[in-house]
Amino acid sequence: MTYMATIKPHDIQTLGQRIRYARDAARLTQSDVARHFGIARVSVTQWENDTTRPSTDKIADLADLLDTEASWLLEAKGFPPVSRPLPDRGHIIEPHHVIPGERLVGERRLPIYVPRQAV
């Protein structure tokens, strides 16, 4: 379950919460963000936990990466980012267990469930 599924945009109070929300919307991992900036993943974790803040020179680039506005990240002004669709992986066809018709015909001892009558 993503962070987006557990929190609503109007409940977000801190920069770290907005970064995490936007990262989830962009379908990026902390490692993706860290790799983009050439920093350790733990740094992104610290941003999201509000232990540290990204430097001001990273905010505009971070907003672009997360497909949102810097003003939303910094001050929650404007609209929150919209979740990107999952990448199309084509249709996965699951094999179905098919029971041949002749195996469906014949005498069977099957339980019968009858609902109780309201008294």
C-alpha atoms as a PDB file:
ATOM      1  CA  MET A   1       0.000   0.000   0.000  1.00  0.00           C
ATOM      2  CA  THR A   2       1.341   3.381  -0.888  1.00  0.00           C
ATOM      3  CA  TYR A   3       1.474   6.416   1.320  1.00  0.00           C
ATOM      4  CA  MET A   4      -1.041   8.064  -1.013  1.00  0.00           C
ATOM      5  CA  ALA A   5      -3.594   5.412  -0.146  1.00  0.00           C
ATOM      6  CA  THR A   6      -3.256   6.097   3.576  1.00  0.00           C
ATOM      7  CA  ILE A   7      -3.217   9.901   3.693  1.00  0.00           C
ATOM      8  CA  LYS A   8      -5.269  12.594   2.013  1.00  0.00           C
ATOM      9  CA  PRO A   9      -3.632  15.726   0.534  1.00  0.00           C
ATOM     10  CA  HIS A  10      -5.453  18.046   2.957  1.00  0.00           C
ATOM     11  CA  ASP A  11      -3.966  16.115   5.921  1.00  0.00           C
ATOM     12  CA  ILE A  12      -0.396  16.760   4.790  1.00  0.00           C
ATOM     13  CA  GLN A  13       1.302  19.304   7.045  1.00  0.00           C
ATOM     14  CA  THR A  14       5.062  19.063   6.521  1.00  0.00           C
ATOM     15  CA  LEU A  15       7.561  19.302   3.690  1.00  0.00           C
ATOM     16  CA  GLY A  16       8.601  15.690   4.305  1.00  0.00           C
ATOM     17  CA  GLN A  17       5.016  14.463   4.017  1.00  0.00           C
ATOM     18  CA  ARG A  18       4.572  16.391   0.764  1.00  0.00           C
ATOM     19  CA  ILE A  19       7.804  14.957  -0.663  1.00  0.00           C
ATOM     20  CA  ARG A  20       6.691  11.431   0.148  1.00  0.00           C
ATOM     21  CA  TYR A  21       3.194  12.018  -1.230  1.00  0.00           C
ATOM     22  CA  ALA A  22       4.589  13.452  -4.472  1.00  0.00           C
ATOM     23  CA  ARG A  23       7.174  10.667  -4.767  1.00  0.00           C
ATOM     24  CA  ASP A  24       4.437   8.042  -4.459  1.00  0.00           C
ATOM     25  CA  ALA A  25       2.316   9.909  -7.026  1.00  0.00           C
ATOM     26  CA  ALA A  26       5.273   9.911  -9.411  1.00  0.00           C
ATOM     27  CA  ARG A  27       5.733   6.155  -8.814  1.00  0.00           C
ATOM     28  CA  LEU A  28       9.352   6.667  -7.766  1.00  0.00           C
ATOM     29  CA  THR A  29      11.282   4.985  -4.992  1.00  0.00           C
ATOM     30  CA  GLN A  30      13.518   6.740  -2.506  1.00  0.00           C
ATOM     31  CA  SER A  31      16.427   5.153  -4.365  1.00  0.00           C
ATOM     32  CA  ASP A  32      15.222   6.702  -7.638  1.00  0.00           C
ATOM     33  CA  VAL A  33      15.203  10.168  -6.070  1.00  0.00           C
ATOM     34  CA  ALA A  34      18.586   9.613  -4.404  1.00  0.00           C
ATOM     35  CA  ARG A  35      20.120   8.404  -7.670  1.00  0.00           C
ATOM     36  CA  HIS A  36      18.768  11.488  -9.478  1.00  0.00           C
ATOM     37  CA  PHE A  37      20.571  13.788  -7.024  1.00  0.00           C
ATOM     38  CA  GLY A  38      23.636  11.596  -6.520  1.00  0.00           C
ATOM     39  CA  ILE A  39      22.969  11.247  -2.786  1.00  0.00           C
ATOM     40  CA  ALA A  40      22.403   8.353  -0.387  1.00  0.00           C
ATOM     41  CA  ARG A  41      18.895   6.915  -0.117  1.00  0.00           C
ATOM     42  CA  VAL A  42      18.953   7.593   3.618  1.00  0.00           C
ATOM     43  CA  SER A  43      19.051  11.317   2.808  1.00  0.00           C
ATOM     44  CA  VAL A  44      15.680  11.019   1.059  1.00  0.00           C
ATOM     45  CA  THR A  45      14.370   9.063   4.049  1.00  0.00           C
ATOM     46  CA  GLN A  46      15.486  11.903   6.315  1.00  0.00           C
ATOM     47  CA  TRP A  47      13.716  14.454   4.099  1.00  0.00           C
ATOM     48  CA  GLU A  48      10.496  12.440   4.257  1.00  0.00           C
ATOM     49  CA  ASN A  49      10.782  12.003   8.027  1.00  0.00           C
ATOM     50  CA  ASP A  50      11.397  15.749   8.447  1.00  0.00           C
ATOM     51  CA  THR A  51      14.765  15.046  10.084  1.00  0.00           C
ATOM     52  CA  THR A  52      16.522  17.131   7.439  1.00  0.00           C
ATOM     53  CA  ARG A  53      15.428  19.265   4.490  1.00  0.00           C
ATOM     54  CA  PRO A  54      16.683  19.267   0.917  1.00  0.00           C
ATOM     55  CA  SER A  55      18.912  22.226   0.153  1.00  0.00           C
ATOM     56  CA  THR A  56      17.137  25.147  -1.495  1.00  0.00           C
ATOM     57  CA  ASP A  57      19.048  24.614  -4.742  1.00  0.00           C
ATOM     58  CA  LYS A  58      17.447  21.132  -5.034  1.00  0.00           C
ATOM     59  CA  ILE A  59      13.807  22.195  -4.539  1.00  0.00           C
ATOM     60  CA  ALA A  60      13.065  23.234  -8.144  1.00  0.00           C
ATOM     61  CA  ASP A  61      14.726  20.096  -9.530  1.00  0.00           C
ATOM     62  CA  LEU A  62      12.908  17.950  -6.953  1.00  0.00           C
ATOM     63  CA  ALA A  63       9.567  19.504  -7.931  1.00  0.00           C
ATOM     64  CA  ASP A  64      10.287  18.765 -11.613  1.00  0.00           C
ATOM     65  CA  LEU A  65      11.295  15.199 -10.829  1.00  0.00           C
ATOM     66  CA  LEU A  66       8.135  14.662  -8.773  1.00  0.00           C
ATOM     67  CA  ASP A  67       5.956  16.389 -11.387  1.00  0.00           C
ATOM     68  CA  THR A  68       4.627  19.043  -9.023  1.00  0.00           C
ATOM     69  CA  GLU A  69       5.126  22.700  -8.216  1.00  0.00           C
ATOM     70  CA  ALA A  70       7.827  23.928  -5.841  1.00  0.00           C
ATOM     71  CA  SER A  71       5.186  26.091  -4.127  1.00  0.00           C
ATOM     72  CA  TRP A  72       3.154  22.967  -3.325  1.00  0.00           C
ATOM     73  CA  LEU A  73       6.199  21.196  -1.907  1.00  0.00           C
ATOM     74  CA  LEU A  74       7.265  24.163   0.215  1.00  0.00           C
ATOM     75  CA  GLU A  75       3.968  25.711   1.300  1.00  0.00           C
ATOM     76  CA  ALA A  76       1.163  23.391   0.136  1.00  0.00           C
ATOM     77  CA  LYS A  77      -0.053  26.154  -2.192  1.00  0.00           C
ATOM     78  CA  GLY A  78      -1.791  24.986  -5.329  1.00  0.00           C
ATOM     79  CA  PHE A  79      -2.788  21.469  -6.222  1.00  0.00           C
ATOM     80  CA  PRO A  80      -1.158  18.232  -5.079  1.00  0.00           C
ATOM     81  CA  PRO A  81       0.373  16.013  -7.728  1.00  0.00           C
ATOM     82  CA  VAL A  82      -1.784  13.477  -9.517  1.00  0.00           C
ATOM     83  CA  SER A  83      -0.748   9.855  -9.449  1.00  0.00           C
ATOM     84  CA  ARG A  84       0.917   8.662 -12.636  1.00  0.00           C
ATOM     85  CA  PRO A  85      -0.598   5.554 -14.184  1.00  0.00           C
ATOM     86  CA  LEU A  86       1.271   2.305 -13.783  1.00  0.00           C
ATOM     87  CA  PRO A  87       3.373   1.382 -16.809  1.00  0.00           C
ATOM     88  CA  ASP A  88       1.590  -0.868 -19.288  1.00  0.00           C
ATOM     89  CA  ARG A  89       3.024  -4.336 -18.994  1.00  0.00           C
ATOM     90  CA  GLY A  90       0.667  -5.867 -21.542  1.00  0.00           C
ATOM     91  CA  HIS A  91      -2.074  -8.306 -20.767  1.00  0.00           C
ATOM     92  CA  ILE A  92      -1.145 -11.228 -18.612  1.00  0.00           C
ATOM     93  CA  ILE A  93      -3.307 -14.219 -19.376  1.00  0.00           C
ATOM     94  CA  GLU A  94      -3.578 -16.630 -16.513  1.00  0.00           C
ATOM     95  CA  PRO A  95      -4.143 -20.252 -17.486  1.00  0.00           C
ATOM     96  CA  HIS A  96      -7.567 -21.469 -16.404  1.00  0.00           C
ATOM     97  CA  HIS A  97      -8.215 -24.933 -15.156  1.00  0.00           C
ATOM     98  CA  VAL A  98     -10.822 -26.302 -17.552  1.00  0.00           C
ATOM     99  CA  ILE A  99     -12.898 -29.295 -16.511  1.00  0.00           C
ATOM    100  CA  PRO A 100     -14.049 -31.325 -19.517  1.00  0.00           C
ATOM    101  CA  GLY A 101     -17.845 -31.567 -19.868  1.00  0.00           C
ATOM    102  CA  GLU A 102     -17.979 -35.334 -19.433  1.00  0.00           C
ATOM    103  CA  ARG A 103     -16.478 -34.951 -15.944  1.00  0.00           C
ATOM    104  CA  LEU A 104     -19.265 -32.545 -14.986  1.00  0.00           C
ATOM    105  CA  VAL A 105     -22.057 -35.014 -15.730  1.00  0.00           C
ATOM    106  CA  GLY A 106     -22.996 -37.858 -13.420  1.00  0.00           C
ATOM    107  CA  GLU A 107     -23.922 -38.597  -9.872  1.00  0.00           C
ATOM    108  CA  ARG A 108     -22.144 -36.515  -7.285  1.00  0.00           C
ATOM    109  CA  ARG A 109     -22.483 -36.288  -3.541  1.00  0.00           C
ATOM    110  CA  LEU A 110     -22.482 -32.549  -2.985  1.00  0.00           C
ATOM    111  CA  PRO A 111     -23.545 -30.779   0.198  1.00  0.00           C
ATOM    112  CA  ILE A 112     -26.665 -28.673  -0.047  1.00  0.00           C
ATOM    113  CA  TYR A 113     -26.794 -25.472   1.936  1.00  0.00           C
ATOM    114  CA  VAL A 114     -30.244 -24.133   2.730  1.00  0.00           C
ATOM    115  CA  PRO A 115     -30.718 -20.767   4.438  1.00  0.00           C
ATOM    116  CA  ARG A 116     -32.730 -20.826   7.644  1.00  0.00           C
ATOM    117  CA  GLN A 117     -36.230 -19.501   7.428  1.00  0.00           C
ATOM    118  CA  ALA A 118     -36.963 -16.367   9.424  1.00  0.00           C
ATOM    119  CA  VAL A 119     -39.112 -17.305  12.383  1.00  0.00           C
END
